PDB file of N, CA and C in Angstrom:
ATOM      1  N   LEU A   1     -33.435  10.598 -54.152  1.00  0.00           N
ATOM      2  CA  LEU A   1     -32.228  11.017 -54.578  1.00  0.00           C
ATOM      3  C   LEU A   1     -31.263  10.858 -55.462  1.00  0.00           C
ATOM      4  N   SER A   2     -32.115  10.262 -56.360  1.00  0.00           N
ATOM      5  CA  SER A   2     -31.492  10.083 -57.822  1.00  0.00           C
ATOM      6  C   SER A   2     -31.683  11.432 -58.847  1.00  0.00           C
ATOM      7  N   SER A   3     -32.518  11.893 -58.243  1.00  0.00           N
ATOM      8  CA  SER A   3     -33.270  13.490 -58.816  1.00  0.00           C
ATOM      9  C   SER A   3     -32.011  14.196 -58.348  1.00  0.00           C
ATOM     10  N   THR A   4     -31.697  14.169 -56.729  1.00  0.00           N
ATOM     11  CA  THR A   4     -30.777  15.208 -56.558  1.00  0.00           C
ATOM     12  C   THR A   4     -29.492  15.174 -57.033  1.00  0.00           C
ATOM     13  N   SER A   5     -29.324  14.016 -57.345  1.00  0.00           N
ATOM     14  CA  SER A   5     -28.128  13.815 -58.128  1.00  0.00           C
ATOM     15  C   SER A   5     -27.798  14.387 -59.347  1.00  0.00           C
ATOM     16  N   THR A   6     -28.796  14.229 -59.994  1.00  0.00           N
ATOM     17  CA  THR A   6     -28.947  14.891 -61.688  1.00  0.00           C
ATOM     18  C   THR A   6     -28.896  16.271 -61.271  1.00  0.00           C
ATOM     19  N   ALA A   7     -29.307  16.884 -60.497  1.00  0.00           N
ATOM     20  CA  ALA A   7     -29.511  18.224 -60.144  1.00  0.00           C
ATOM     21  C   ALA A   7     -27.845  19.219 -60.200  1.00  0.00           C
ATOM     22  N   SER A   8     -27.497  17.994 -59.403  1.00  0.00           N
ATOM     23  CA  SER A   8     -25.909  18.347 -58.930  1.00  0.00           C
ATOM     24  C   SER A   8     -24.944  18.567 -60.263  1.00  0.00           C
ATOM     25  N   SER A   9     -25.485  17.490 -61.091  1.00  0.00           N
ATOM     26  CA  SER A   9     -24.715  17.295 -62.481  1.00  0.00           C
ATOM     27  C   SER A   9     -25.023  18.502 -63.413  1.00  0.00           C
ATOM     28  N   ALA A  10     -26.188  18.639 -63.138  1.00  0.00           N
ATOM     29  CA  ALA A  10     -26.700  19.957 -64.128  1.00  0.00           C
ATOM     30  C   ALA A  10     -25.870  21.690 -63.703  1.00  0.00           C
ATOM     31  N   ALA A  11     -25.986  21.346 -62.408  1.00  0.00           N
ATOM     32  CA  ALA A  11     -25.083  22.756 -61.925  1.00  0.00           C
ATOM     33  C   ALA A  11     -23.654  22.647 -62.683  1.00  0.00           C
ATOM     34  N   THR A  12     -23.214  21.515 -62.359  1.00  0.00           N
ATOM     35  CA  THR A  12     -21.336  21.442 -62.788  1.00  0.00           C
ATOM     36  C   THR A  12     -21.385  21.539 -64.062  1.00  0.00           C
ATOM     37  N   ALA A  13     -22.561  21.177 -65.161  1.00  0.00           N
ATOM     38  CA  ALA A  13     -22.439  21.349 -66.086  1.00  0.00           C
ATOM     39  C   ALA A  13     -22.793  23.215 -66.661  1.00  0.00           C
ATOM     40  N   THR A  14     -23.178  23.661 -66.054  1.00  0.00           N
ATOM     41  CA  THR A  14     -23.285  25.575 -66.313  1.00  0.00           C
ATOM     42  C   THR A  14     -21.883  25.800 -65.925  1.00  0.00           C
ATOM     43  N   GLU A  15     -21.234  25.427 -64.954  1.00  0.00           N
ATOM     44  CA  GLU A  15     -20.126  25.680 -64.781  1.00  0.00           C
ATOM     45  C   GLU A  15     -18.948  25.521 -65.577  1.00  0.00           C
ATOM     46  N   ALA A  16     -19.011  24.642 -66.457  1.00  0.00           N
ATOM     47  CA  ALA A  16     -18.116  24.507 -67.985  1.00  0.00           C
ATOM     48  C   ALA A  16     -18.313  25.225 -68.597  1.00  0.00           C
ATOM     49  N   PRO A  17     -19.387  25.683 -69.252  1.00  0.00           N
ATOM     50  CA  PRO A  17     -19.628  26.371 -70.041  1.00  0.00           C
ATOM     51  C   PRO A  17     -18.723  28.100 -69.686  1.00  0.00           C
ATOM     52  N   ALA A  18     -19.191  28.067 -68.461  1.00  0.00           N
ATOM     53  CA  ALA A  18     -18.829  29.799 -67.915  1.00  0.00           C
ATOM     54  C   ALA A  18     -17.597  29.816 -68.109  1.00  0.00           C
ATOM     55  N   ALA A  19     -16.844  28.542 -67.973  1.00  0.00           N
ATOM     56  CA  ALA A  19     -14.984  28.775 -67.843  1.00  0.00           C
ATOM     57  C   ALA A  19     -15.036  28.908 -69.487  1.00  0.00           C
ATOM     58  N   THR A  20     -15.586  28.426 -70.639  1.00  0.00           N
ATOM     59  CA  THR A  20     -15.325  28.755 -72.020  1.00  0.00           C
ATOM     60  C   THR A  20     -15.045  30.258 -72.392  1.00  0.00           C
ATOM     61  N   GLU A  21     -16.047  31.052 -71.535  1.00  0.00           N
ATOM     62  CA  GLU A  21     -16.606  32.113 -71.727  1.00  0.00           C
ATOM     63  C   GLU A  21     -15.292  32.941 -71.501  1.00  0.00           C
ATOM     64  N   ALA A  22     -14.594  32.726 -70.656  1.00  0.00           N
ATOM     65  CA  ALA A  22     -13.264  33.865 -70.180  1.00  0.00           C
ATOM     66  C   ALA A  22     -12.237  33.106 -71.106  1.00  0.00           C
ATOM     67  N   PRO A  23     -11.984  31.943 -71.428  1.00  0.00           N
ATOM     68  CA  PRO A  23     -11.121  31.818 -72.790  1.00  0.00           C
ATOM     69  C   PRO A  23     -11.475  32.926 -73.850  1.00  0.00           C
ATOM     70  N   ALA A  24     -12.208  32.987 -74.082  1.00  0.00           N
ATOM     71  CA  ALA A  24     -13.253  34.085 -75.134  1.00  0.00           C
ATOM     72  C   ALA A  24     -12.670  35.151 -75.024  1.00  0.00           C
ATOM     73  N   ALA A  25     -12.922  35.530 -73.665  1.00  0.00           N
ATOM     74  CA  ALA A  25     -12.786  37.092 -73.244  1.00  0.00           C
ATOM     75  C   ALA A  25     -10.773  37.684 -73.583  1.00  0.00           C
ATOM     76  N   THR A  26     -10.145  36.280 -73.140  1.00  0.00           N
ATOM     77  CA  THR A  26      -8.716  36.224 -73.522  1.00  0.00           C
ATOM     78  C   THR A  26      -8.345  36.546 -74.649  1.00  0.00           C
ATOM     79  N   THR A  27      -8.846  35.810 -75.599  1.00  0.00           N
ATOM     80  CA  THR A  27      -8.716  36.007 -77.377  1.00  0.00           C
ATOM     81  C   THR A  27      -9.062  37.755 -77.401  1.00  0.00           C
ATOM     82  N   ALA A  28     -10.112  38.220 -77.031  1.00  0.00           N
ATOM     83  CA  ALA A  28     -10.156  39.897 -77.316  1.00  0.00           C
ATOM     84  C   ALA A  28      -8.913  40.525 -77.287  1.00  0.00           C
ATOM     85  N   ALA A  29      -8.362  40.433 -76.045  1.00  0.00           N
ATOM     86  CA  ALA A  29      -7.230  41.195 -75.835  1.00  0.00           C
ATOM     87  C   ALA A  29      -6.342  41.019 -76.847  1.00  0.00           C
ATOM     88  N   PRO A  30      -5.716  40.048 -77.240  1.00  0.00           N
ATOM     89  CA  PRO A  30      -4.412  39.724 -78.421  1.00  0.00           C
ATOM     90  C   PRO A  30      -5.165  40.486 -79.639  1.00  0.00           C
ATOM     91  N   SER A  31      -6.622  40.734 -80.021  1.00  0.00           N
ATOM     92  CA  SER A  31      -7.335  41.371 -81.277  1.00  0.00           C
ATOM     93  C   SER A  31      -7.048  42.715 -81.059  1.00  0.00           C
ATOM     94  N   THR A  32      -7.014  43.168 -79.423  1.00  0.00           N
ATOM     95  CA  THR A  32      -6.506  44.687 -79.467  1.00  0.00           C
ATOM     96  C   THR A  32      -5.151  45.367 -79.728  1.00  0.00           C
ATOM     97  N   GLU A  33      -4.098  44.095 -79.959  1.00  0.00           N
ATOM     98  CA  GLU A  33      -3.042  44.397 -79.934  1.00  0.00           C
ATOM     99  C   GLU A  33      -2.781  44.521 -81.450  1.00  0.00           C
ATOM    100  N   THR A  34      -3.223  43.788 -82.049  1.00  0.00           N
ATOM    101  CA  THR A  34      -3.366  43.325 -83.648  1.00  0.00           C
ATOM    102  C   THR A  34      -3.775  44.699 -83.926  1.00  0.00           C
ATOM    103  N   THR A  35      -4.932  45.408 -83.326  1.00  0.00           N
ATOM    104  CA  THR A  35      -5.188  46.706 -84.231  1.00  0.00           C
ATOM    105  C   THR A  35      -3.839  47.865 -83.615  1.00  0.00           C
ATOM    106  N   THR A  36      -3.813  47.465 -82.891  1.00  0.00           N
ATOM    107  CA  THR A  36      -2.476  48.582 -82.526  1.00  0.00           C
ATOM    108  C   THR A  36      -1.319  48.858 -83.825  1.00  0.00           C
ATOM    109  N   ALA A  37      -1.169  47.396 -84.500  1.00  0.00           N
ATOM    110  CA  ALA A  37      -0.388  47.107 -85.210  1.00  0.00           C
ATOM    111  C   ALA A  37      -0.592  47.862 -86.730  1.00  0.00           C
ATOM    112  N   PRO A  38      -1.814  47.854 -87.038  1.00  0.00           N
ATOM    113  CA  PRO A  38      -1.883  48.706 -88.111  1.00  0.00           C
ATOM    114  C   PRO A  38      -1.590  50.284 -88.107  1.00  0.00           C
ATOM    115  N   SER A  39      -2.086  50.619 -86.704  1.00  0.00           N
ATOM    116  CA  SER A  39      -1.870  52.019 -86.241  1.00  0.00           C
ATOM    117  C   SER A  39      -0.344  52.406 -86.558  1.00  0.00           C
ATOM    118  N   THR A  40       0.745  51.198 -86.378  1.00  0.00           N
ATOM    119  CA  THR A  40       2.037  51.996 -86.188  1.00  0.00           C
ATOM    120  C   THR A  40       2.026  52.192 -87.652  1.00  0.00           C
ATOM    121  N   THR A  41       1.527  51.472 -88.320  1.00  0.00           N
ATOM    122  CA  THR A  41       1.753  51.619 -89.908  1.00  0.00           C
ATOM    123  C   THR A  41       1.244  52.961 -90.337  1.00  0.00           C
ATOM    124  N   GLU A  42       0.381  53.788 -89.728  1.00  0.00           N
ATOM    125  CA  GLU A  42      -0.023  55.123 -90.202  1.00  0.00           C
ATOM    126  C   GLU A  42       0.826  55.763 -89.787  1.00  0.00           C
ATOM    127  N   VAL A  43       1.799  55.367 -88.606  1.00  0.00           N
ATOM    128  CA  VAL A  43       2.550  56.822 -88.163  1.00  0.00           C
ATOM    129  C   VAL A  43       3.257  57.018 -89.383  1.00  0.00           C
ATOM    130  N   PRO A  44       3.951  56.046 -89.674  1.00  0.00           N
ATOM    131  CA  PRO A  44       5.104  56.259 -90.849  1.00  0.00           C
ATOM    132  C   PRO A  44       4.642  57.012 -92.044  1.00  0.00           C
ATOM    133  N   ALA A  45       3.491  56.660 -92.105  1.00  0.00           N
ATOM    134  CA  ALA A  45       2.834  57.295 -93.518  1.00  0.00           C
ATOM    135  C   ALA A  45       2.744  58.864 -93.251  1.00  0.00           C
ATOM    136  N   ALA A  46       2.430  59.318 -91.959  1.00  0.00           N
ATOM    137  CA  ALA A  46       2.044  60.748 -91.714  1.00  0.00           C
ATOM    138  C   ALA A  46       3.293  61.288 -91.594  1.00  0.00           C
ATOM    139  N   THR A  47       4.354  60.350 -91.502  1.00  0.00           N
ATOM    140  CA  THR A  47       5.802  61.315 -91.291  1.00  0.00           C
ATOM    141  C   THR A  47       6.167  61.838 -93.044  1.00  0.00           C
ATOM    142  N   PRO A  48       6.064  60.878 -93.697  1.00  0.00           N
ATOM    143  CA  PRO A  48       6.301  61.457 -95.214  1.00  0.00           C
ATOM    144  C   PRO A  48       5.195  62.931 -95.543  1.00  0.00           C
ATOM    145  N   ALA A  49       4.487  63.142 -95.027  1.00  0.00           N
ATOM    146  CA  ALA A  49       3.654  64.044 -95.079  1.00  0.00           C
ATOM    147  C   ALA A  49       3.777  65.030 -94.625  1.00  0.00           C
ATOM    148  N   ALA A  50       4.543  65.091 -93.310  1.00  0.00           N
ATOM    149  CA  ALA A  50       5.019  66.119 -92.736  1.00  0.00           C
ATOM    150  C   ALA A  50       6.249  66.638 -93.669  1.00  0.00           C
ATOM    151  N   THR A  51       7.080  66.031 -94.321  1.00  0.00           N
ATOM    152  CA  THR A  51       8.271  66.515 -94.789  1.00  0.00           C
ATOM    153  C   THR A  51       7.642  67.148 -96.427  1.00  0.00           C
ATOM    154  N   THR A  52       6.341  66.987 -96.351  1.00  0.00           N
ATOM    155  CA  THR A  52       5.883  67.627 -97.829  1.00  0.00           C
ATOM    156  C   THR A  52       5.721  69.571 -97.547  1.00  0.00           C
ATOM    157  N   PRO A  53       5.092  69.493 -96.003  1.00  0.00           N
ATOM    158  CA  PRO A  53       4.972  70.755 -96.005  1.00  0.00           C
ATOM    159  C   PRO A  53       6.705  71.497 -95.713  1.00  0.00           C
ATOM    160  N   THR A  54       7.332  70.692 -95.527  1.00  0.00           N
ATOM    161  CA  THR A  54       8.715  71.250 -95.631  1.00  0.00           C
ATOM    162  C   THR A  54       9.259  71.698 -96.839  1.00  0.00           C
ATOM    163  N   SER A  55       8.716  70.989 -97.713  1.00  0.00           N
ATOM    164  CA  SER A  55       9.258  71.093 -99.312  1.00  0.00           C
ATOM    165  C   SER A  55       8.752  72.675 -99.571  1.00  0.00           C
ATOM    166  N   GLU A  56       7.513  72.703 -99.237  1.00  0.00           N
ATOM    167  CA  GLU A  56       6.545  74.338 -99.352  1.00  0.00           C
ATOM    168  C   GLU A  56       7.478  75.241 -98.723  1.00  0.00           C
ATOM    169  N   THR A  57       7.951  74.581 -97.591  1.00  0.00           N
ATOM    170  CA  THR A  57       9.033  76.131 -96.849  1.00  0.00           C
ATOM    171  C   THR A  57      10.144  76.409 -97.867  1.00  0.00           C
ATOM    172  N   ASN A  58      10.771  75.156 -98.268  1.00  0.00           N
ATOM    173  CA  ASN A  58      11.899  75.293 -99.167  1.00  0.00           C
ATOM    174  C   ASN A  58      11.582  76.464 -99.888  1.00  0.00           C
ATOM    175  N   SER A  59      10.848  75.882-100.716  1.00  0.00           N
ATOM    176  CA  SER A  59      10.141  76.436-102.054  1.00  0.00           C
ATOM    177  C   SER A  59      10.072  78.383-101.954  1.00  0.00           C
ATOM    178  N   THR A  60       9.374  78.081-100.682  1.00  0.00           N
ATOM    179  CA  THR A  60       9.216  79.723-100.855  1.00  0.00           C
ATOM    180  C   THR A  60      10.392  80.751-100.002  1.00  0.00           C
ATOM    181  N   THR A  61      11.195  79.885 -99.237  1.00  0.00           N
ATOM    182  CA  THR A  61      12.554  80.685 -99.144  1.00  0.00           C
ATOM    183  C   THR A  61      13.645  81.078-100.710  1.00  0.00           C
ATOM    184  N   SER A  62      12.978  79.710-101.699  1.00  0.00           N
ATOM    185  CA  SER A  62      14.059  80.162-102.924  1.00  0.00           C
ATOM    186  C   SER A  62      13.443  81.425-103.208  1.00  0.00           C
ATOM    187  N   VAL A  63      12.135  81.771-103.311  1.00  0.00           N
ATOM    188  CA  VAL A  63      11.184  82.988-104.118  1.00  0.00           C
ATOM    189  C   VAL A  63      11.754  84.255-103.233  1.00  0.00           C
ATOM    190  N   VAL A  64      12.300  83.910-101.481  1.00  0.00           N
ATOM    191  CA  VAL A  64      12.780  85.205-101.584  1.00  0.00           C
ATOM    192  C   VAL A  64      14.089  85.575-101.450  1.00  0.00           C
ATOM    193  N   GLN A  65      14.697  84.117-101.770  1.00  0.00           N
ATOM    194  CA  GLN A  65      16.159  84.572-102.263  1.00  0.00           C
ATOM    195  C   GLN A  65      16.444  85.095-103.379  1.00  0.00           C
ATOM    196  N   ALA A  66      15.512  85.122-104.735  1.00  0.00           N
ATOM    197  CA  ALA A  66      15.753  85.260-105.875  1.00  0.00           C
ATOM    198  C   ALA A  66      15.490  86.968-105.419  1.00  0.00           C
ATOM    199  N   PRO A  67      14.553  87.594-105.144  1.00  0.00           N
ATOM    200  CA  PRO A  67      14.555  89.065-105.029  1.00  0.00           C
ATOM    201  C   PRO A  67      16.172  89.522-104.678  1.00  0.00           C
ATOM    202  N   ILE A  68      16.548  88.886-103.237  1.00  0.00           N
ATOM    203  CA  ILE A  68      17.542  89.187-102.792  1.00  0.00           C
ATOM    204  C   ILE A  68      19.228  89.234-104.038  1.00  0.00           C
ATOM    205  N   ALA A  69      18.721  88.108-104.928  1.00  0.00           N
ATOM    206  CA  ALA A  69      19.931  87.820-105.593  1.00  0.00           C
ATOM    207  C   ALA A  69      19.916  88.990-106.841  1.00  0.00           C
ATOM    208  N   CYS A  70      18.537  89.724-107.087  1.00  0.00           N
ATOM    209  CA  CYS A  70      18.213  91.161-108.098  1.00  0.00           C
ATOM    210  C   CYS A  70      18.762  92.333-107.223  1.00  0.00           C
TER     211      CYS A  70
END
């Protein structure tokens, strides 16, 4: 009977580590959110880049206006 009780204890011990793995998975979720934050920073960086092409368009317009002035 003693050996049977020991086996039950071993099974319980195995369940405990399994519970530890569950919190580990939860920790991975917040990590994903952190990755999203840097991505947001990249978006504003792209905005100035979009403004640059606009400047080029204005330069082209100025060239067109010059011949008209002549």
